[in-house]
């Protein structure tokens, strides 16, 4: 299914980040932009599918343990 494919892709994308490290939105965007131009869509999907967590003000991101 489409969702299953998306999850597989997101699992690969999240490998570009280190567990335990806190990233600024700017850092996340820079890493994601190397993968795909529309980094905002990928960033939202990483949060929506539970790969990433972020602060309420969206200033900090990290891999969900």
Foldseek 3Di string as FASTA:
>chain_A
DVVVVLVVVLVVLLVLDDAPDKDFPVRQQVSQCVVPVPSVVSVVVCVVVQQKDADPVRGIIHGDD
